[in-house]
Amino acid sequence: MADNGILALVPGHCVGGASSELPPAGPDQAGQPEHQVVLFVPTVGAVRITYRLSSYNHGKSRYLHWGAEHAERV
């Protein structure tokens, strides 16, 4: 089981909202597959969320997306 820190304490709308600060997920991001965003969560305080570039296949197409992987208090 992977250690995701306090990610479970961060509401989903905060995780989704912070992902808008990330660059568009695409093949040009393969050289830097991790990004971090610092945000303030009212119930937790300042949090740094680490996002990792992931991919999935649907039919013959391959899609890339950012997925929240870890969160920690700052």
PDB file of N, CA and C in Angstrom:
ATOM      1  N   MET A   1       0.841  -1.183   0.000  1.00  0.00           N
ATOM      2  CA  MET A   1       0.000   0.000   0.000  1.00  0.00           C
ATOM      3  C   MET A   1       0.884   1.245   0.000  1.00  0.00           C
ATOM      4  N   ALA A   2       0.618   2.164  -0.883  1.00  0.00           N
ATOM      5  CA  ALA A   2       1.434   3.366  -1.015  1.00  0.00           C
ATOM      6  C   ALA A   2       1.084   4.377   0.076  1.00  0.00           C
ATOM      7  N   ASP A   3       2.100   5.093   0.533  1.00  0.00           N
ATOM      8  CA  ASP A   3       1.888   6.131   1.531  1.00  0.00           C
ATOM      9  C   ASP A   3       1.445   7.400   0.818  1.00  0.00           C
ATOM     10  N   ASN A   4       0.203   7.823   1.075  1.00  0.00           N
ATOM     11  CA  ASN A   4      -0.286   9.035   0.428  1.00  0.00           C
ATOM     12  C   ASN A   4      -0.378  10.202   1.399  1.00  0.00           C
ATOM     13  N   GLY A   5       0.250  10.082   2.564  1.00  0.00           N
ATOM     14  CA  GLY A   5       0.286  11.169   3.531  1.00  0.00           C
ATOM     15  C   GLY A   5      -1.105  11.517   4.022  1.00  0.00           C
ATOM     16  N   ILE A   6      -1.449  12.798   3.967  1.00  0.00           N
ATOM     17  CA  ILE A   6      -2.744  13.257   4.453  1.00  0.00           C
ATOM     18  C   ILE A   6      -3.715  13.522   3.310  1.00  0.00           C
ATOM     19  N   LEU A   7      -3.512  12.885   2.183  1.00  0.00           N
ATOM     20  CA  LEU A   7      -4.361  13.111   1.010  1.00  0.00           C
ATOM     21  C   LEU A   7      -5.831  12.836   1.317  1.00  0.00           C
ATOM     22  N   ALA A   8      -6.112  11.876   2.172  1.00  0.00           N
ATOM     23  CA  ALA A   8      -7.496  11.553   2.513  1.00  0.00           C
ATOM     24  C   ALA A   8      -8.182  12.684   3.272  1.00  0.00           C
ATOM     25  N   LEU A   9      -7.419  13.565   3.898  1.00  0.00           N
ATOM     26  CA  LEU A   9      -7.991  14.681   4.650  1.00  0.00           C
ATOM     27  C   LEU A   9      -8.285  15.902   3.781  1.00  0.00           C
ATOM     28  N   VAL A  10      -7.777  15.897   2.552  1.00  0.00           N
ATOM     29  CA  VAL A  10      -7.968  17.036   1.645  1.00  0.00           C
ATOM     30  C   VAL A  10      -9.230  16.788   0.821  1.00  0.00           C
ATOM     31  N   PRO A  11     -10.223  17.709   0.894  1.00  0.00           N
ATOM     32  CA  PRO A  11     -11.461  17.510   0.128  1.00  0.00           C
ATOM     33  C   PRO A  11     -11.194  17.428  -1.380  1.00  0.00           C
ATOM     34  N   GLY A  12     -12.012  16.661  -2.059  1.00  0.00           N
ATOM     35  CA  GLY A  12     -11.838  16.442  -3.489  1.00  0.00           C
ATOM     36  C   GLY A  12     -11.872  17.709  -4.316  1.00  0.00           C
ATOM     37  N   HIS A  13     -12.727  18.675  -3.936  1.00  0.00           N
ATOM     38  CA  HIS A  13     -12.795  19.912  -4.718  1.00  0.00           C
ATOM     39  C   HIS A  13     -11.504  20.718  -4.586  1.00  0.00           C
ATOM     40  N   CYS A  14     -10.776  20.554  -3.488  1.00  0.00           N
ATOM     41  CA  CYS A  14      -9.479  21.231  -3.332  1.00  0.00           C
ATOM     42  C   CYS A  14      -8.426  20.556  -4.211  1.00  0.00           C
ATOM     43  N   VAL A  15      -8.434  19.228  -4.222  1.00  0.00           N
ATOM     44  CA  VAL A  15      -7.480  18.485  -5.058  1.00  0.00           C
ATOM     45  C   VAL A  15      -7.729  18.793  -6.533  1.00  0.00           C
ATOM     46  N   GLY A  16      -8.987  18.796  -6.938  1.00  0.00           N
ATOM     47  CA  GLY A  16      -9.335  19.089  -8.331  1.00  0.00           C
ATOM     48  C   GLY A  16      -9.048  20.533  -8.708  1.00  0.00           C
ATOM     49  N   GLY A  17      -9.332  21.445  -7.801  1.00  0.00           N
ATOM     50  CA  GLY A  17      -9.075  22.853  -8.076  1.00  0.00           C
ATOM     51  C   GLY A  17      -7.604  23.151  -8.207  1.00  0.00           C
ATOM     52  N   ALA A  18      -6.781  22.523  -7.382  1.00  0.00           N
ATOM     53  CA  ALA A  18      -5.337  22.746  -7.445  1.00  0.00           C
ATOM     54  C   ALA A  18      -4.743  22.166  -8.720  1.00  0.00           C
ATOM     55  N   SER A  19      -5.367  21.137  -9.274  1.00  0.00           N
ATOM     56  CA  SER A  19      -4.833  20.535 -10.504  1.00  0.00           C
ATOM     57  C   SER A  19      -4.944  21.485 -11.686  1.00  0.00           C
ATOM     58  N   SER A  20      -5.757  22.532 -11.581  1.00  0.00           N
ATOM     59  CA  SER A  20      -5.862  23.498 -12.675  1.00  0.00           C
ATOM     60  C   SER A  20      -4.588  24.331 -12.817  1.00  0.00           C
ATOM     61  N   GLU A  21      -3.717  24.316 -11.803  1.00  0.00           N
ATOM     62  CA  GLU A  21      -2.444  25.028 -11.864  1.00  0.00           C
ATOM     63  C   GLU A  21      -1.355  24.225 -12.575  1.00  0.00           C
ATOM     64  N   LEU A  22      -1.653  22.977 -12.902  1.00  0.00           N
ATOM     65  CA  LEU A  22      -0.677  22.107 -13.552  1.00  0.00           C
ATOM     66  C   LEU A  22      -0.659  22.356 -15.057  1.00  0.00           C
ATOM     67  N   PRO A  23       0.475  22.061 -15.700  1.00  0.00           N
ATOM     68  CA  PRO A  23       0.505  22.171 -17.162  1.00  0.00           C
ATOM     69  C   PRO A  23      -0.384  21.090 -17.780  1.00  0.00           C
ATOM     70  N   PRO A  24      -0.810  21.279 -19.015  1.00  0.00           N
ATOM     71  CA  PRO A  24      -1.643  20.257 -19.663  1.00  0.00           C
ATOM     72  C   PRO A  24      -0.905  18.914 -19.720  1.00  0.00           C
ATOM     73  N   ALA A  25      -1.624  17.851 -19.398  1.00  0.00           N
ATOM     74  CA  ALA A  25      -1.028  16.513 -19.445  1.00  0.00           C
ATOM     75  C   ALA A  25      -0.831  16.126 -20.901  1.00  0.00           C
ATOM     76  N   GLY A  26       0.391  15.770 -21.250  1.00  0.00           N
ATOM     77  CA  GLY A  26       0.687  15.384 -22.625  1.00  0.00           C
ATOM     78  C   GLY A  26       2.047  14.747 -22.713  1.00  0.00           C
ATOM     79  N   PRO A  27       2.411  14.251 -23.885  1.00  0.00           N
ATOM     80  CA  PRO A  27       3.692  13.572 -24.054  1.00  0.00           C
ATOM     81  C   PRO A  27       4.882  14.472 -23.763  1.00  0.00           C
ATOM     82  N   ASP A  28       4.726  15.786 -23.926  1.00  0.00           N
ATOM     83  CA  ASP A  28       5.836  16.691 -23.651  1.00  0.00           C
ATOM     84  C   ASP A  28       6.133  16.798 -22.153  1.00  0.00           C
ATOM     85  N   GLN A  29       5.258  16.308 -21.294  1.00  0.00           N
ATOM     86  CA  GLN A  29       5.480  16.323 -19.845  1.00  0.00           C
ATOM     87  C   GLN A  29       6.169  15.051 -19.355  1.00  0.00           C
ATOM     88  N   ALA A  30       6.487  14.132 -20.242  1.00  0.00           N
ATOM     89  CA  ALA A  30       7.086  12.856 -19.844  1.00  0.00           C
ATOM     90  C   ALA A  30       8.438  13.046 -19.179  1.00  0.00           C
ATOM     91  N   GLY A  31       9.156  14.107 -19.495  1.00  0.00           N
ATOM     92  CA  GLY A  31      10.448  14.363 -18.873  1.00  0.00           C
ATOM     93  C   GLY A  31      10.331  14.837 -17.436  1.00  0.00           C
ATOM     94  N   GLN A  32       9.180  15.351 -17.065  1.00  0.00           N
ATOM     95  CA  GLN A  32       8.943  15.813 -15.701  1.00  0.00           C
ATOM     96  C   GLN A  32       7.579  15.276 -15.253  1.00  0.00           C
ATOM     97  N   PRO A  33       7.534  13.992 -14.866  1.00  0.00           N
ATOM     98  CA  PRO A  33       6.246  13.355 -14.586  1.00  0.00           C
ATOM     99  C   PRO A  33       5.635  13.709 -13.234  1.00  0.00           C
ATOM    100  N   GLU A  34       6.291  14.552 -12.424  1.00  0.00           N
ATOM    101  CA  GLU A  34       5.739  14.958 -11.136  1.00  0.00           C
ATOM    102  C   GLU A  34       5.712  16.473 -11.019  1.00  0.00           C
ATOM    103  N   HIS A  35       4.638  16.977 -10.439  1.00  0.00           N
ATOM    104  CA  HIS A  35       4.518  18.402 -10.139  1.00  0.00           C
ATOM    105  C   HIS A  35       3.916  18.537  -8.755  1.00  0.00           C
ATOM    106  N   GLN A  36       4.250  19.637  -8.075  1.00  0.00           N
ATOM    107  CA  GLN A  36       3.711  19.893  -6.754  1.00  0.00           C
ATOM    108  C   GLN A  36       2.991  21.235  -6.740  1.00  0.00           C
ATOM    109  N   VAL A  37       1.903  21.282  -5.983  1.00  0.00           N
ATOM    110  CA  VAL A  37       1.117  22.498  -5.822  1.00  0.00           C
ATOM    111  C   VAL A  37       0.899  22.703  -4.328  1.00  0.00           C
ATOM    112  N   VAL A  38       1.108  23.930  -3.858  1.00  0.00           N
ATOM    113  CA  VAL A  38       0.849  24.268  -2.465  1.00  0.00           C
ATOM    114  C   VAL A  38      -0.444  25.065  -2.411  1.00  0.00           C
ATOM    115  N   LEU A  39      -1.342  24.669  -1.506  1.00  0.00           N
ATOM    116  CA  LEU A  39      -2.613  25.362  -1.361  1.00  0.00           C
ATOM    117  C   LEU A  39      -3.024  25.391   0.097  1.00  0.00           C
ATOM    118  N   PHE A  40      -3.985  26.236   0.416  1.00  0.00           N
ATOM    119  CA  PHE A  40      -4.502  26.318   1.772  1.00  0.00           C
ATOM    120  C   PHE A  40      -5.841  25.601   1.824  1.00  0.00           C
ATOM    121  N   VAL A  41      -5.937  24.636   2.721  1.00  0.00           N
ATOM    122  CA  VAL A  41      -7.175  23.886   2.929  1.00  0.00           C
ATOM    123  C   VAL A  41      -7.730  24.319   4.287  1.00  0.00           C
ATOM    124  N   PRO A  42      -8.949  24.848   4.349  1.00  0.00           N
ATOM    125  CA  PRO A  42      -9.479  25.375   5.605  1.00  0.00           C
ATOM    126  C   PRO A  42      -9.435  24.401   6.781  1.00  0.00           C
ATOM    127  N   THR A  43      -9.694  23.133   6.547  1.00  0.00           N
ATOM    128  CA  THR A  43      -9.733  22.168   7.652  1.00  0.00           C
ATOM    129  C   THR A  43      -8.365  21.630   8.045  1.00  0.00           C
ATOM    130  N   VAL A  44      -7.366  21.800   7.197  1.00  0.00           N
ATOM    131  CA  VAL A  44      -6.048  21.203   7.433  1.00  0.00           C
ATOM    132  C   VAL A  44      -4.949  22.259   7.557  1.00  0.00           C
ATOM    133  N   GLY A  45      -5.014  23.313   6.767  1.00  0.00           N
ATOM    134  CA  GLY A  45      -3.969  24.335   6.725  1.00  0.00           C
ATOM    135  C   GLY A  45      -3.256  24.277   5.387  1.00  0.00           C
ATOM    136  N   ALA A  46      -2.010  24.715   5.361  1.00  0.00           N
ATOM    137  CA  ALA A  46      -1.224  24.706   4.122  1.00  0.00           C
ATOM    138  C   ALA A  46      -0.808  23.280   3.790  1.00  0.00           C
ATOM    139  N   VAL A  47      -1.041  22.888   2.553  1.00  0.00           N
ATOM    140  CA  VAL A  47      -0.787  21.508   2.116  1.00  0.00           C
ATOM    141  C   VAL A  47      -0.046  21.540   0.783  1.00  0.00           C
ATOM    142  N   ARG A  48       0.933  20.648   0.637  1.00  0.00           N
ATOM    143  CA  ARG A  48       1.625  20.454  -0.643  1.00  0.00           C
ATOM    144  C   ARG A  48       1.143  19.135  -1.216  1.00  0.00           C
ATOM    145  N   ILE A  49       0.546  19.197  -2.416  1.00  0.00           N
ATOM    146  CA  ILE A  49       0.041  17.997  -3.086  1.00  0.00           C
ATOM    147  C   ILE A  49       0.963  17.663  -4.242  1.00  0.00           C
ATOM    148  N   THR A  50       1.369  16.417  -4.312  1.00  0.00           N
ATOM    149  CA  THR A  50       2.203  15.930  -5.408  1.00  0.00           C
ATOM    150  C   THR A  50       1.310  15.197  -6.400  1.00  0.00           C
ATOM    151  N   TYR A  51       1.387  15.613  -7.664  1.00  0.00           N
ATOM    152  CA  TYR A  51       0.641  14.991  -8.756  1.00  0.00           C
ATOM    153  C   TYR A  51       1.618  14.239  -9.642  1.00  0.00           C
ATOM    154  N   ARG A  52       1.195  13.071 -10.131  1.00  0.00           N
ATOM    155  CA  ARG A  52       2.022  12.264 -11.027  1.00  0.00           C
ATOM    156  C   ARG A  52       1.275  12.054 -12.342  1.00  0.00           C
ATOM    157  N   LEU A  53       2.031  12.139 -13.428  1.00  0.00           N
ATOM    158  CA  LEU A  53       1.470  11.907 -14.754  1.00  0.00           C
ATOM    159  C   LEU A  53       1.180  10.417 -14.924  1.00  0.00           C
ATOM    160  N   SER A  54      -0.045  10.099 -15.283  1.00  0.00           N
ATOM    161  CA  SER A  54      -0.463   8.709 -15.480  1.00  0.00           C
ATOM    162  C   SER A  54      -1.103   8.572 -16.849  1.00  0.00           C
ATOM    163  N   SER A  55      -1.212   7.348 -17.309  1.00  0.00           N
ATOM    164  CA  SER A  55      -1.857   7.117 -18.597  1.00  0.00           C
ATOM    165  C   SER A  55      -2.792   5.924 -18.497  1.00  0.00           C
ATOM    166  N   TYR A  56      -3.756   5.907 -19.392  1.00  0.00           N
ATOM    167  CA  TYR A  56      -4.649   4.763 -19.511  1.00  0.00           C
ATOM    168  C   TYR A  56      -5.054   4.625 -20.972  1.00  0.00           C
ATOM    169  N   ASN A  57      -5.438   3.423 -21.338  1.00  0.00           N
ATOM    170  CA  ASN A  57      -5.866   3.139 -22.700  1.00  0.00           C
ATOM    171  C   ASN A  57      -7.366   2.943 -22.726  1.00  0.00           C
ATOM    172  N   HIS A  58      -7.971   3.440 -23.773  1.00  0.00           N
ATOM    173  CA  HIS A  58      -9.397   3.224 -24.013  1.00  0.00           C
ATOM    174  C   HIS A  58      -9.535   2.912 -25.495  1.00  0.00           C
ATOM    175  N   GLY A  59      -9.769   1.664 -25.769  1.00  0.00           N
ATOM    176  CA  GLY A  59      -9.794   1.247 -27.173  1.00  0.00           C
ATOM    177  C   GLY A  59      -8.394   1.354 -27.747  1.00  0.00           C
ATOM    178  N   LYS A  60      -8.271   2.054 -28.868  1.00  0.00           N
ATOM    179  CA  LYS A  60      -6.956   2.222 -29.489  1.00  0.00           C
ATOM    180  C   LYS A  60      -6.293   3.532 -29.089  1.00  0.00           C
ATOM    181  N   SER A  61      -6.936   4.289 -28.213  1.00  0.00           N
ATOM    182  CA  SER A  61      -6.407   5.594 -27.805  1.00  0.00           C
ATOM    183  C   SER A  61      -5.714   5.506 -26.447  1.00  0.00           C
ATOM    184  N   ARG A  62      -4.718   6.350 -26.265  1.00  0.00           N
ATOM    185  CA  ARG A  62      -3.996   6.440 -24.993  1.00  0.00           C
ATOM    186  C   ARG A  62      -4.184   7.849 -24.458  1.00  0.00           C
ATOM    187  N   TYR A  63      -4.587   7.955 -23.198  1.00  0.00           N
ATOM    188  CA  TYR A  63      -4.850   9.246 -22.583  1.00  0.00           C
ATOM    189  C   TYR A  63      -3.917   9.468 -21.405  1.00  0.00           C
ATOM    190  N   LEU A  64      -3.454  10.700 -21.235  1.00  0.00           N
ATOM    191  CA  LEU A  64      -2.613  11.077 -20.112  1.00  0.00           C
ATOM    192  C   LEU A  64      -3.401  12.006 -19.193  1.00  0.00           C
ATOM    193  N   HIS A  65      -3.153  11.885 -17.892  1.00  0.00           N
ATOM    194  CA  HIS A  65      -3.838  12.734 -16.924  1.00  0.00           C
ATOM    195  C   HIS A  65      -2.973  12.871 -15.676  1.00  0.00           C
ATOM    196  N   TRP A  66      -3.237  13.915 -14.910  1.00  0.00           N
ATOM    197  CA  TRP A  66      -2.556  14.121 -13.629  1.00  0.00           C
ATOM    198  C   TRP A  66      -3.387  13.480 -12.524  1.00  0.00           C
ATOM    199  N   GLY A  67      -2.733  12.712 -11.680  1.00  0.00           N
ATOM    200  CA  GLY A  67      -3.396  12.096 -10.545  1.00  0.00           C
ATOM    201  C   GLY A  67      -2.717  12.488  -9.252  1.00  0.00           C
ATOM    202  N   ALA A  68      -3.486  12.876  -8.249  1.00  0.00           N
ATOM    203  CA  ALA A  68      -2.915  13.229  -6.951  1.00  0.00           C
ATOM    204  C   ALA A  68      -2.351  11.968  -6.310  1.00  0.00           C
ATOM    205  N   GLU A  69      -1.112  12.076  -5.845  1.00  0.00           N
ATOM    206  CA  GLU A  69      -0.417  10.908  -5.309  1.00  0.00           C
ATOM    207  C   GLU A  69      -0.118  11.031  -3.819  1.00  0.00           C
ATOM    208  N   HIS A  70       0.212  12.245  -3.351  1.00  0.00           N
ATOM    209  CA  HIS A  70       0.660  12.416  -1.983  1.00  0.00           C
ATOM    210  C   HIS A  70       0.342  13.833  -1.522  1.00  0.00           C
ATOM    211  N   ALA A  71       0.051  13.984  -0.239  1.00  0.00           N
ATOM    212  CA  ALA A  71      -0.168  15.312   0.333  1.00  0.00           C
ATOM    213  C   ALA A  71       0.517  15.374   1.689  1.00  0.00           C
ATOM    214  N   GLU A  72       1.084  16.534   1.987  1.00  0.00           N
ATOM    215  CA  GLU A  72       1.737  16.728   3.286  1.00  0.00           C
ATOM    216  C   GLU A  72       1.537  18.168   3.751  1.00  0.00           C
ATOM    217  N   ARG A  73       1.516  18.338   5.058  1.00  0.00           N
ATOM    218  CA  ARG A  73       1.414  19.699   5.608  1.00  0.00           C
ATOM    219  C   ARG A  73       2.701  20.451   5.354  1.00  0.00           C
ATOM    220  N   VAL A  74       2.552  21.737   5.105  1.00  0.00           N
ATOM    221  CA  VAL A  74       3.734  22.583   4.859  1.00  0.00           C
ATOM    222  C   VAL A  74       3.956  23.436   6.085  1.00  0.00           C
TER     223      VAL A  74
END
